[in-house]
C-alpha atoms as a PDB file:
ATOM      1  CA  MET A   1     157.651-158.552 -32.581  1.00  0.00           C
ATOM      2  CA  LYS A   2     153.770-158.686 -31.300  1.00  0.00           C
ATOM      3  CA  LYS A   3     154.989-156.581 -28.459  1.00  0.00           C
ATOM      4  CA  VAL A   4     156.360-153.984 -30.777  1.00  0.00           C
ATOM      5  CA  ILE A   5     153.718-153.752 -33.067  1.00  0.00           C
ATOM      6  CA  CYS A   6     151.507-153.077 -29.897  1.00  0.00           C
ATOM      7  CA  ILE A   7     153.845-150.557 -28.430  1.00  0.00           C
ATOM      8  CA  LEU A   8     154.104-148.416 -31.899  1.00  0.00           C
ATOM      9  CA  PHE A   9     150.347-148.678 -32.459  1.00  0.00           C
ATOM     10  CA  SER A  10     149.921-147.520 -29.043  1.00  0.00           C
ATOM     11  CA  PHE A  11     152.075-144.516 -29.406  1.00  0.00           C
ATOM     12  CA  VAL A  12     150.406-144.019 -32.781  1.00  0.00           C
ATOM     13  CA  ILE A  13     147.185-143.323 -31.030  1.00  0.00           C
ATOM     14  CA  LEU A  14     148.303-141.324 -28.581  1.00  0.00           C
ATOM     15  CA  LEU A  15     150.198-138.849 -30.868  1.00  0.00           C
ATOM     16  CA  THR A  16     146.986-139.182 -33.157  1.00  0.00           C
ATOM     17  CA  SER A  17     144.645-138.045 -29.827  1.00  0.00           C
ATOM     18  CA  VAL A  18     147.092-135.164 -29.262  1.00  0.00           C
ATOM     19  CA  PHE A  19     146.860-133.567 -33.014  1.00  0.00           C
ATOM     20  CA  ALA A  20     143.344-134.402 -33.297  1.00  0.00           C
ATOM     21  CA  ASP A  21     142.921-132.249 -30.027  1.00  0.00           C
ATOM     22  CA  LYS A  22     145.001-129.408 -31.219  1.00  0.00           C
ATOM     23  CA  SER A  23     142.935-129.600 -34.879  1.00  0.00           C
ATOM     24  CA  ARG A  24     139.571-128.589 -33.269  1.00  0.00           C
ATOM     25  CA  PHE A  25     141.320-124.949 -32.837  1.00  0.00           C
ATOM     26  CA  TYR A  26     141.243-124.596 -36.513  1.00  0.00           C
ATOM     27  CA  GLU A  27     139.276-124.430 -39.802  1.00  0.00           C
ATOM     28  CA  ASN A  28     140.622-124.534 -43.070  1.00  0.00           C
ATOM     29  CA  GLY A  29     144.192-124.065 -41.732  1.00  0.00           C
ATOM     30  CA  LYS A  30     143.103-121.125 -40.031  1.00  0.00           C
ATOM     31  CA  VAL A  31     142.313-120.621 -35.989  1.00  0.00           C
ATOM     32  CA  ILE A  32     138.807-120.569 -35.152  1.00  0.00           C
ATOM     33  CA  ASP A  33     137.289-117.020 -34.742  1.00  0.00           C
ATOM     34  CA  THR A  34     135.013-118.242 -32.064  1.00  0.00           C
ATOM     35  CA  MET A  35     134.958-120.797 -29.823  1.00  0.00           C
ATOM     36  CA  TYR A  36     132.498-121.727 -26.791  1.00  0.00           C
ATOM     37  CA  VAL A  37     132.864-122.589 -22.757  1.00  0.00           C
ATOM     38  CA  ASN A  38     132.433-126.136 -22.643  1.00  0.00           C
ATOM     39  CA  SER A  39     132.545-126.519 -18.878  1.00  0.00           C
ATOM     40  CA  GLU A  40     129.420-126.372 -16.348  1.00  0.00           C
ATOM     41  CA  ASP A  41     131.790-125.089 -13.874  1.00  0.00           C
ATOM     42  CA  GLY A  42     132.506-122.127 -16.024  1.00  0.00           C
ATOM     43  CA  LEU A  43     136.190-120.867 -17.277  1.00  0.00           C
ATOM     44  CA  LYS A  44     138.756-118.770 -15.670  1.00  0.00           C
ATOM     45  CA  VAL A  45     140.598-116.175 -17.761  1.00  0.00           C
ATOM     46  CA  ARG A  46     144.319-116.028 -16.633  1.00  0.00           C
ATOM     47  CA  ASP A  47     147.084-113.637 -17.556  1.00  0.00           C
ATOM     48  CA  TYR A  48     149.462-116.194 -18.790  1.00  0.00           C
ATOM     49  CA  PRO A  49     148.884-119.778 -20.060  1.00  0.00           C
ATOM     50  CA  SER A  50     149.709-121.535 -16.424  1.00  0.00           C
ATOM     51  CA  LEU A  51     147.534-122.505 -13.674  1.00  0.00           C
ATOM     52  CA  LYS A  52     149.724-120.790 -11.271  1.00  0.00           C
ATOM     53  CA  SER A  53     149.083-117.564 -13.134  1.00  0.00           C
ATOM     54  CA  ASN A  54     146.860-114.556 -11.748  1.00  0.00           C
ATOM     55  CA  ARG A  55     142.721-114.941 -12.546  1.00  0.00           C
ATOM     56  CA  LEU A  56     141.423-112.032 -14.923  1.00  0.00           C
ATOM     57  CA  CYS A  57     137.813-112.665 -14.851  1.00  0.00           C
ATOM     58  CA  GLY A  58     135.823-116.291 -15.419  1.00  0.00           C
ATOM     59  CA  LEU A  59     133.399-117.003 -18.156  1.00  0.00           C
ATOM     60  CA  THR A  60     130.200-119.015 -17.820  1.00  0.00           C
ATOM     61  CA  HIS A  61     129.254-122.280 -19.637  1.00  0.00           C
ATOM     62  CA  ARG A  62     128.296-121.589 -23.193  1.00  0.00           C
ATOM     63  CA  SER A  63     129.798-118.263 -23.456  1.00  0.00           C
ATOM     64  CA  PRO A  64     131.370-116.869 -26.754  1.00  0.00           C
ATOM     65  CA  VAL A  65     135.257-116.124 -26.819  1.00  0.00           C
ATOM     66  CA  LYS A  66     137.153-114.682 -29.731  1.00  0.00           C
ATOM     67  CA  VAL A  67     140.338-116.708 -30.309  1.00  0.00           C
ATOM     68  CA  VAL A  68     143.608-114.833 -31.089  1.00  0.00           C
ATOM     69  CA  ALA A  69     146.489-117.217 -30.625  1.00  0.00           C
ATOM     70  CA  ILE A  70     146.916-120.880 -29.810  1.00  0.00           C
ATOM     71  CA  GLY A  71     149.474-121.825 -27.168  1.00  0.00           C
ATOM     72  CA  LYS A  72     151.542-124.382 -25.323  1.00  0.00           C
ATOM     73  CA  GLU A  73     149.712-127.759 -24.670  1.00  0.00           C
ATOM     74  CA  GLU A  74     149.552-129.370 -21.281  1.00  0.00           C
ATOM     75  CA  THR A  75     147.441-131.920 -19.768  1.00  0.00           C
ATOM     76  CA  ILE A  76     144.921-130.870 -16.766  1.00  0.00           C
ATOM     77  CA  ASP A  77     142.237-132.630 -15.413  1.00  0.00           C
ATOM     78  CA  GLY A  78     143.422-135.613 -17.459  1.00  0.00           C
ATOM     79  CA  ILE A  79     142.775-133.791 -21.184  1.00  0.00           C
ATOM     80  CA  THR A  80     145.829-132.760 -22.809  1.00  0.00           C
ATOM     81  CA  ALA A  81     145.033-129.488 -25.154  1.00  0.00           C
ATOM     82  CA  PRO A  82     146.523-126.049 -25.891  1.00  0.00           C
ATOM     83  CA  TRP A  83     146.291-122.905 -23.902  1.00  0.00           C
ATOM     84  CA  VAL A  84     144.193-120.613 -25.763  1.00  0.00           C
ATOM     85  CA  GLU A  85     144.904-116.530 -25.832  1.00  0.00           C
ATOM     86  CA  ILE A  86     141.496-114.659 -26.106  1.00  0.00           C
ATOM     87  CA  LEU A  87     140.262-111.359 -26.246  1.00  0.00           C
ATOM     88  CA  LEU A  88     138.291-110.493 -22.944  1.00  0.00           C
ATOM     89  CA  PRO A  89     134.924-109.711 -23.671  1.00  0.00           C
ATOM     90  CA  ARG A  90     134.002-106.106 -23.791  1.00  0.00           C
ATOM     91  CA  TYR A  91     132.111-105.973 -20.652  1.00  0.00           C
ATOM     92  CA  GLU A  92     135.175-107.326 -18.737  1.00  0.00           C
ATOM     93  CA  TRP A  93     137.502-104.618 -20.039  1.00  0.00           C
ATOM     94  CA  LYS A  94     138.990-102.371 -16.911  1.00  0.00           C
ATOM     95  CA  ASP A  95     139.756-100.083 -19.434  1.00  0.00           C
ATOM     96  CA  PHE A  96     138.564 -98.600 -22.800  1.00  0.00           C
ATOM     97  CA  GLU A  97     141.314-100.449 -24.959  1.00  0.00           C
ATOM     98  CA  ALA A  98     141.338-104.465 -25.811  1.00  0.00           C
ATOM     99  CA  GLU A  99     142.385-106.891 -23.174  1.00  0.00           C
ATOM    100  CA  TYR A 100     143.557-110.207 -23.373  1.00  0.00           C
ATOM    101  CA  GLY A 101     144.085-113.230 -21.108  1.00  0.00           C
ATOM    102  CA  TRP A 102     144.665-117.345 -21.592  1.00  0.00           C
ATOM    103  CA  VAL A 103     141.976-120.115 -21.145  1.00  0.00           C
ATOM    104  CA  PHE A 104     143.092-123.818 -21.128  1.00  0.00           C
ATOM    105  CA  GLY A 105     141.539-125.066 -24.467  1.00  0.00           C
ATOM    106  CA  GLY A 106     140.355-128.399 -23.007  1.00  0.00           C
ATOM    107  CA  TYR A 107     137.110-126.712 -21.798  1.00  0.00           C
ATOM    108  CA  LEU A 108     136.650-124.649 -25.333  1.00  0.00           C
ATOM    109  CA  SER A 109     133.915-126.062 -28.041  1.00  0.00           C
ATOM    110  CA  ALA A 110     133.871-125.018 -31.559  1.00  0.00           C
ATOM    111  CA  LYS A 111     130.295-125.487 -31.216  1.00  0.00           C
ATOM    112  CA  GLN A 112     127.816-124.104 -28.607  1.00  0.00           C
ATOM    113  CA  ALA A 113     126.051-126.103 -26.534  1.00  0.00           C
ATOM    114  CA  THR A 114     122.376-126.375 -26.349  1.00  0.00           C
ATOM    115  CA  PHE A 115     120.716-123.644 -24.262  1.00  0.00           C
ATOM    116  CA  SER A 116     117.897-125.600 -21.776  1.00  0.00           C
ATOM    117  CA  THR A 117     115.091-124.844 -19.266  1.00  0.00           C
ATOM    118  CA  LYS A 118     114.717-128.302 -18.492  1.00  0.00           C
ATOM    119  CA  GLY A 119     115.003-128.603 -14.822  1.00  0.00           C
ATOM    120  CA  TRP A 120     114.008-124.590 -14.483  1.00  0.00           C
ATOM    121  CA  THR A 121     111.839-123.794 -11.089  1.00  0.00           C
ATOM    122  CA  ASP A 122     110.166-120.143 -10.627  1.00  0.00           C
ATOM    123  CA  TRP A 123     113.777-119.215  -8.931  1.00  0.00           C
ATOM    124  CA  ASN A 124     115.739-120.100 -12.453  1.00  0.00           C
ATOM    125  CA  PHE A 125     112.705-118.302 -14.313  1.00  0.00           C
ATOM    126  CA  LYS A 126     113.189-115.230 -11.905  1.00  0.00           C
ATOM    127  CA  ASN A 127     117.038-114.950 -12.518  1.00  0.00           C
ATOM    128  CA  TYR A 128     116.345-115.247 -16.099  1.00  0.00           C
ATOM    129  CA  LEU A 129     113.845-112.402 -16.354  1.00  0.00           C
ATOM    130  CA  SER A 130     115.529-110.230 -14.170  1.00  0.00           C
ATOM    131  CA  LYS A 131     119.034-110.300 -15.616  1.00  0.00           C
ATOM    132  CA  SER A 132     118.152-107.543 -17.872  1.00  0.00           C
ATOM    133  CA  HIS A 133     115.399-105.479 -19.493  1.00  0.00           C
ATOM    134  CA  TRP A 134     113.613-106.617 -22.108  1.00  0.00           C
ATOM    135  CA  ILE A 135     112.693-104.602 -25.357  1.00  0.00           C
ATOM    136  CA  GLU A 136     110.482-105.726 -28.249  1.00  0.00           C
ATOM    137  CA  ASP A 137     112.652-106.701 -31.163  1.00  0.00           C
ATOM    138  CA  ASN A 138     111.355-104.604 -33.991  1.00  0.00           C
ATOM    139  CA  ASP A 139     111.752-101.304 -35.694  1.00  0.00           C
ATOM    140  CA  LYS A 140     108.615 -99.805 -34.069  1.00  0.00           C
ATOM    141  CA  TYR A 141     109.111 -96.037 -32.932  1.00  0.00           C
ATOM    142  CA  ASP A 142     107.385 -96.570 -29.490  1.00  0.00           C
ATOM    143  CA  ARG A 143     108.899-100.270 -28.205  1.00  0.00           C
ATOM    144  CA  THR A 144     107.859-101.505 -25.583  1.00  0.00           C
ATOM    145  CA  ILE A 145     110.720-102.457 -22.643  1.00  0.00           C
ATOM    146  CA  LEU A 146     109.392-104.707 -19.901  1.00  0.00           C
ATOM    147  CA  CYS A 147     111.790-104.360 -16.263  1.00  0.00           C
ATOM    148  CA  PHE A 148     111.192-107.142 -14.375  1.00  0.00           C
ATOM    149  CA  GLU A 149     113.525-106.262 -10.989  1.00  0.00           C
ATOM    150  CA  GLU A 150     114.963-108.692  -8.438  1.00  0.00           C
ATOM    151  CA  ASP A 151     112.945-107.330  -5.427  1.00  0.00           C
ATOM    152  CA  GLY A 152     109.837-107.842  -7.217  1.00  0.00           C
ATOM    153  CA  GLU A 153     109.210-104.315  -8.811  1.00  0.00           C
ATOM    154  CA  PHE A 154     108.083-104.314 -12.592  1.00  0.00           C
ATOM    155  CA  LYS A 155     108.532-101.165 -14.848  1.00  0.00           C
ATOM    156  CA  LEU A 156     106.803-101.046 -18.477  1.00  0.00           C
ATOM    157  CA  GLN A 157     108.295 -98.342 -20.411  1.00  0.00           C
ATOM    158  CA  ILE A 158     107.748 -96.777 -23.631  1.00  0.00           C
ATOM    159  CA  GLU A 159     110.806 -95.895 -25.699  1.00  0.00           C
ATOM    160  CA  GLU A 160     111.546 -92.578 -26.526  1.00  0.00           C
ATOM    161  CA  ARG A 161     108.342 -91.677 -24.554  1.00  0.00           C
ATOM    162  CA  GLY A 162     107.495 -90.494 -21.093  1.00  0.00           C
ATOM    163  CA  ALA A 163     105.270 -92.983 -20.164  1.00  0.00           C
ATOM    164  CA  GLY A 164     105.077 -96.538 -18.422  1.00  0.00           C
ATOM    165  CA  ALA A 165     103.632 -98.484 -15.638  1.00  0.00           C
ATOM    166  CA  PHE A 166     104.873 -99.096 -12.352  1.00  0.00           C
ATOM    167  CA  GLY A 167     104.047-101.851  -9.552  1.00  0.00           C
ATOM    168  CA  LYS A 168     105.133-105.443  -8.661  1.00  0.00           C
ATOM    169  CA  TRP A 169     105.772-108.626 -10.716  1.00  0.00           C
ATOM    170  CA  GLN A 170     105.064-112.283  -9.924  1.00  0.00           C
ATOM    171  CA  ILE A 171     105.809-115.426 -11.851  1.00  0.00           C
ATOM    172  CA  ASP A 172     104.526-118.962 -12.528  1.00  0.00           C
ATOM    173  CA  PHE A 173     107.005-121.072 -14.416  1.00  0.00           C
ATOM    174  CA  LYS A 174     104.867-124.174 -14.496  1.00  0.00           C
ATOM    175  CA  ASN A 175     102.060-122.630 -16.698  1.00  0.00           C
ATOM    176  CA  MET A 176     105.243-120.182 -18.132  1.00  0.00           C
ATOM    177  CA  SER A 177     103.523-117.103 -17.356  1.00  0.00           C
ATOM    178  CA  VAL A 178     104.581-113.614 -15.711  1.00  0.00           C
ATOM    179  CA  VAL A 179     101.371-111.854 -13.360  1.00  0.00           C
ATOM    180  CA  THR A 180     102.259-107.849 -13.021  1.00  0.00           C
ATOM    181  CA  LYS A 181     100.221-105.358 -11.377  1.00  0.00           C
ATOM    182  CA  SER A 182     100.385-101.924 -11.899  1.00  0.00           C
ATOM    183  CA  ALA A 183      99.468 -98.161 -12.974  1.00  0.00           C
ATOM    184  CA  PHE A 184     100.495 -96.284 -16.196  1.00  0.00           C
ATOM    185  CA  MET A 185     101.777 -92.606 -14.897  1.00  0.00           C
ATOM    186  CA  PHE A 186     102.415 -90.202 -18.003  1.00  0.00           C
ATOM    187  CA  ALA A 187     105.221 -87.593 -17.450  1.00  0.00           C
ATOM    188  CA  GLY A 188     103.628 -83.963 -16.991  1.00  0.00           C
ATOM    189  CA  ASP A 189     100.463 -85.004 -16.315  1.00  0.00           C
ATOM    190  CA  ASP A 190      99.856 -83.940 -12.252  1.00  0.00           C
ATOM    191  CA  ASP A 191      96.169 -84.570 -12.584  1.00  0.00           C
ATOM    192  CA  TYR A 192      95.904 -88.382 -13.811  1.00  0.00           C
ATOM    193  CA  THR A 193      95.300 -90.386 -10.710  1.00  0.00           C
ATOM    194  CA  PRO A 194      96.667 -94.052 -11.728  1.00  0.00           C
ATOM    195  CA  GLU A 195      94.745 -97.269 -11.423  1.00  0.00           C
ATOM    196  CA  ASP A 196      96.471-100.295 -10.518  1.00  0.00           C
ATOM    197  CA  GLU A 197      95.400-102.916 -13.802  1.00  0.00           C
ATOM    198  CA  THR A 198      96.649-106.475 -13.766  1.00  0.00           C
ATOM    199  CA  ILE A 199      98.099-107.948 -16.489  1.00  0.00           C
ATOM    200  CA  VAL A 200      99.221-112.015 -17.699  1.00  0.00           C
ATOM    201  CA  TYR A 201     102.389-112.319 -19.962  1.00  0.00           C
ATOM    202  CA  LYS A 202     102.143-116.299 -21.775  1.00  0.00           C
ATOM    203  CA  ILE A 203     105.835-116.326 -22.265  1.00  0.00           C
ATOM    204  CA  GLY A 204     107.094-118.893 -25.185  1.00  0.00           C
ATOM    205  CA  ASN A 205     110.133-119.638 -27.077  1.00  0.00           C
ATOM    206  CA  ILE A 206     112.690-119.072 -24.658  1.00  0.00           C
ATOM    207  CA  THR A 207     116.223-118.615 -25.418  1.00  0.00           C
ATOM    208  CA  GLU A 208     119.218-118.049 -23.706  1.00  0.00           C
ATOM    209  CA  PHE A 209     118.737-113.903 -24.404  1.00  0.00           C
ATOM    210  CA  SER A 210     115.321-113.750 -25.982  1.00  0.00           C
ATOM    211  CA  PHE A 211     111.671-114.995 -25.269  1.00  0.00           C
ATOM    212  CA  THR A 212     108.408-114.070 -26.958  1.00  0.00           C
ATOM    213  CA  VAL A 213     104.869-112.646 -25.416  1.00  0.00           C
ATOM    214  CA  ASN A 214     102.255-113.706 -27.912  1.00  0.00           C
ATOM    215  CA  GLY A 215     104.955-114.288 -30.658  1.00  0.00           C
ATOM    216  CA  GLN A 216     106.646-110.935 -30.447  1.00  0.00           C
ATOM    217  CA  ARG A 217     110.515-111.272 -29.612  1.00  0.00           C
ATOM    218  CA  TYR A 218     111.624-109.279 -26.218  1.00  0.00           C
ATOM    219  CA  ILE A 219     115.438-109.080 -26.076  1.00  0.00           C
ATOM    220  CA  PRO A 220     118.164-107.589 -23.626  1.00  0.00           C
ATOM    221  CA  TYR A 221     117.405-103.647 -23.706  1.00  0.00           C
ATOM    222  CA  CYS A 222     120.708-101.648 -24.612  1.00  0.00           C
ATOM    223  CA  GLN A 223     121.481 -97.914 -23.400  1.00  0.00           C
ATOM    224  CA  TRP A 224     122.085 -96.687 -26.774  1.00  0.00           C
ATOM    225  CA  GLY A 225     123.453 -93.480 -25.648  1.00  0.00           C
ATOM    226  CA  VAL A 226     126.317 -94.998 -23.504  1.00  0.00           C
ATOM    227  CA  LEU A 227     127.362 -97.423 -26.886  1.00  0.00           C
ATOM    228  CA  TYR A 228     127.357 -94.539 -28.920  1.00  0.00           C
ATOM    229  CA  ASN A 229     128.846 -92.178 -26.531  1.00  0.00           C
ATOM    230  CA  GLU A 230     132.109 -94.642 -25.615  1.00  0.00           C
ATOM    231  CA  LYS A 231     134.775 -92.192 -26.170  1.00  0.00           C
ATOM    232  CA  ASN A 232     132.978 -89.312 -24.498  1.00  0.00           C
ATOM    233  CA  VAL A 233     132.226 -91.878 -21.574  1.00  0.00           C
ATOM    234  CA  LYS A 234     136.285 -92.496 -21.959  1.00  0.00           C
ATOM    235  CA  ASN A 235     136.967 -89.369 -21.392  1.00  0.00           C
ATOM    236  CA  THR A 236     135.124 -88.544 -17.904  1.00  0.00           C
ATOM    237  CA  ASP A 237     135.489 -92.135 -16.526  1.00  0.00           C
ATOM    238  CA  LYS A 238     138.947 -93.281 -15.052  1.00  0.00           C
ATOM    239  CA  ASP A 239     137.806 -97.063 -15.698  1.00  0.00           C
ATOM    240  CA  SER A 240     135.068 -98.792 -18.006  1.00  0.00           C
ATOM    241  CA  SER A 241     133.205-100.233 -15.199  1.00  0.00           C
ATOM    242  CA  ASN A 242     130.028 -97.804 -15.547  1.00  0.00           C
ATOM    243  CA  PHE A 243     130.280 -98.642 -18.842  1.00  0.00           C
ATOM    244  CA  ASN A 244     130.007-102.239 -18.777  1.00  0.00           C
ATOM    245  CA  LEU A 245     127.492-102.326 -16.075  1.00  0.00           C
ATOM    246  CA  SER A 246     125.120-100.057 -18.892  1.00  0.00           C
ATOM    247  CA  VAL A 247     125.748-102.684 -21.763  1.00  0.00           C
ATOM    248  CA  LYS A 248     127.091-106.318 -20.083  1.00  0.00           C
ATOM    249  CA  THR A 249     124.111-108.496 -20.813  1.00  0.00           C
ATOM    250  CA  PHE A 250     123.181-106.437 -24.317  1.00  0.00           C
ATOM    251  CA  LEU A 251     126.858-107.481 -25.527  1.00  0.00           C
ATOM    252  CA  LYS A 252     126.218-110.881 -24.116  1.00  0.00           C
ATOM    253  CA  ALA A 253     123.607-111.299 -26.518  1.00  0.00           C
ATOM    254  CA  LEU A 254     125.154-109.581 -29.463  1.00  0.00           C
ATOM    255  CA  TYR A 255     128.101-112.067 -28.952  1.00  0.00           C
ATOM    256  CA  SER A 256     126.194-115.384 -27.957  1.00  0.00           C
ATOM    257  CA  SER A 257     123.520-115.103 -31.077  1.00  0.00           C
ATOM    258  CA  GLU A 258     124.131-114.136 -34.577  1.00  0.00           C
ATOM    259  CA  SER A 259     120.135-113.897 -34.856  1.00  0.00           C
ATOM    260  CA  ILE A 260     119.849-111.402 -32.237  1.00  0.00           C
ATOM    261  CA  PHE A 261     123.480-109.337 -33.772  1.00  0.00           C
ATOM    262  CA  GLY A 262     121.718-109.342 -36.953  1.00  0.00           C
ATOM    263  CA  SER A 263     118.319-107.830 -36.228  1.00  0.00           C
ATOM    264  CA  ILE A 264     120.555-104.986 -34.111  1.00  0.00           C
ATOM    265  CA  TYR A 265     122.856-104.638 -36.625  1.00  0.00           C
ATOM    266  CA  SER A 266     120.207-103.893 -39.388  1.00  0.00           C
ATOM    267  CA  ARG A 267     119.366-100.975 -37.113  1.00  0.00           C
ATOM    268  CA  SER A 268     123.223 -99.994 -36.006  1.00  0.00           C
ATOM    269  CA  SER A 269     125.225-100.929 -38.738  1.00  0.00           C
ATOM    270  CA  ASN A 270     127.663 -97.400 -38.082  1.00  0.00           C
ATOM    271  CA  LEU A 271     128.575 -99.064 -34.523  1.00  0.00           C
ATOM    272  CA  ARG A 272     129.891-101.542 -37.145  1.00  0.00           C
ATOM    273  CA  ASP A 273     133.825-100.803 -36.221  1.00  0.00           C
ATOM    274  CA  SER A 274     132.966-101.075 -32.594  1.00  0.00           C
ATOM    275  CA  TYR A 275     131.540-104.330 -32.739  1.00  0.00           C
ATOM    276  CA  ILE A 276     134.441-105.202 -34.425  1.00  0.00           C
ATOM    277  CA  LYS A 277     136.744-104.058 -32.199  1.00  0.00           C
ATOM    278  CA  TYR A 278     134.663-105.776 -29.191  1.00  0.00           C
ATOM    279  CA  GLY A 279     135.426-109.270 -31.289  1.00  0.00           C
ATOM    280  CA  ILE A 280     131.565-110.203 -31.868  1.00  0.00           C
ATOM    281  CA  PHE A 281     131.780-112.467 -34.998  1.00  0.00           C
ATOM    282  CA  TYR A 282     129.024-112.038 -37.810  1.00  0.00           C
ATOM    283  CA  SER A 283     129.426-114.240 -40.445  1.00  0.00           C
ATOM    284  CA  LYS A 284     126.010-113.951 -42.252  1.00  0.00           C
ATOM    285  CA  ASN A 285     126.941-110.609 -43.771  1.00  0.00           C
ATOM    286  CA  LEU A 286     130.267-110.328 -46.276  1.00  0.00           C
ATOM    287  CA  ASP A 287     131.136-106.974 -45.815  1.00  0.00           C
ATOM    288  CA  TYR A 288     131.090-107.476 -42.269  1.00  0.00           C
ATOM    289  CA  ILE A 289     132.969-110.446 -42.295  1.00  0.00           C
ATOM    290  CA  ASN A 290     135.659-108.782 -44.646  1.00  0.00           C
ATOM    291  CA  SER A 291     136.400-106.050 -42.315  1.00  0.00           C
ATOM    292  CA  TYR A 292     136.470-108.247 -39.160  1.00  0.00           C
ATOM    293  CA  HIS A 293     139.383-110.233 -40.764  1.00  0.00           C
ATOM    294  CA  ALA A 294     140.783-107.383 -42.161  1.00  0.00           C
ATOM    295  CA  TYR A 295     141.121-105.800 -38.913  1.00  0.00           C
ATOM    296  CA  TRP A 296     141.930-108.972 -36.465  1.00  0.00           C
ATOM    297  CA  ASP A 297     143.854-111.154 -39.167  1.00  0.00           C
ATOM    298  CA  PRO A 298     146.911-109.166 -38.606  1.00  0.00           C
ATOM    299  CA  ILE A 299     146.763-108.703 -34.733  1.00  0.00           C
ATOM    300  CA  MET A 300     146.223-112.543 -34.083  1.00  0.00           C
ATOM    301  CA  GLU A 301     149.232-112.957 -36.269  1.00  0.00           C
ATOM    302  CA  GLU A 302     151.095-110.679 -33.808  1.00  0.00           C
ATOM    303  CA  HIS A 303     149.449-112.416 -30.840  1.00  0.00           C
ATOM    304  CA  GLN A 304     150.598-115.849 -32.332  1.00  0.00           C
ATOM    305  CA  LYS A 305     154.216-114.785 -32.705  1.00  0.00           C
ATOM    306  CA  SER A 306     153.977-113.937 -29.139  1.00  0.00           C
ATOM    307  CA  ALA A 307     152.531-117.570 -28.203  1.00  0.00           C
ATOM    308  CA  ASP A 308     154.908-119.698 -30.183  1.00  0.00           C
ATOM    309  CA  ALA A 309     158.040-117.655 -28.975  1.00  0.00           C
ATOM    310  CA  MET A 310     156.244-119.239 -25.735  1.00  0.00           C
ATOM    311  CA  LYS A 311     156.475-122.599 -26.364  1.00  0.00           C
END
């Protein structure tokens, strides 16, 4: 009798663990809108819910994903979880229309892992700064854009003005500083002789997609003309690769940080429909989230029907 009870208890525990894992993908009876990659090795996106299917792209650790459907369960690496259909991030679309793929849900989490600079060296810091051009996060007319290039070249640009500095940059992560040696140039001023100037930027409060200099936050810079003219770009380009290159880091920041998105959205709300189409979730604005659900709920319903038919 005790043996039977033990077997039944083990069976209940097994069932509970399976269903508990699947419940991670739901909140208030609905599929969670956004989840995050929870794997230091990254996560492969496939064209079908199977390890034998084709790889579409890869997602790095902490990357957000827009969930559209929950698929069949499978045990991989000792983890039992469902396959999850996602909207590919906009910067991974090969065309100009939404593209979808599948990831194994065992490596997704409802909460984003904490970003950390622990263990960073000058090499990590250099890769971080050179992954994007950085602009002041404020509403000034003449915002500063900092460009730390991988080859050591440095540019300081003034948005909307024909002025900038050009030179070299070096980093010192131990002292959280960047040293630039550059000279200002002014458009159309041929008589001006530039002189090199050394500037030390003290870096603070680093997050995955922002840092501060003397209390001023900088975020990835976007080529707004490209983003606003996506339809025109579509008419001239056969694929989306040039568009993706222009907006990739900026969109990564908008996907990953509601704080950054909120700051940007206040200045570019006329791009709301594009942001929603890209699957950028923003819970802090009721009008936005209502429009988001009005757009995505019927799409998710159709995708879930197709996912259920595969099980």
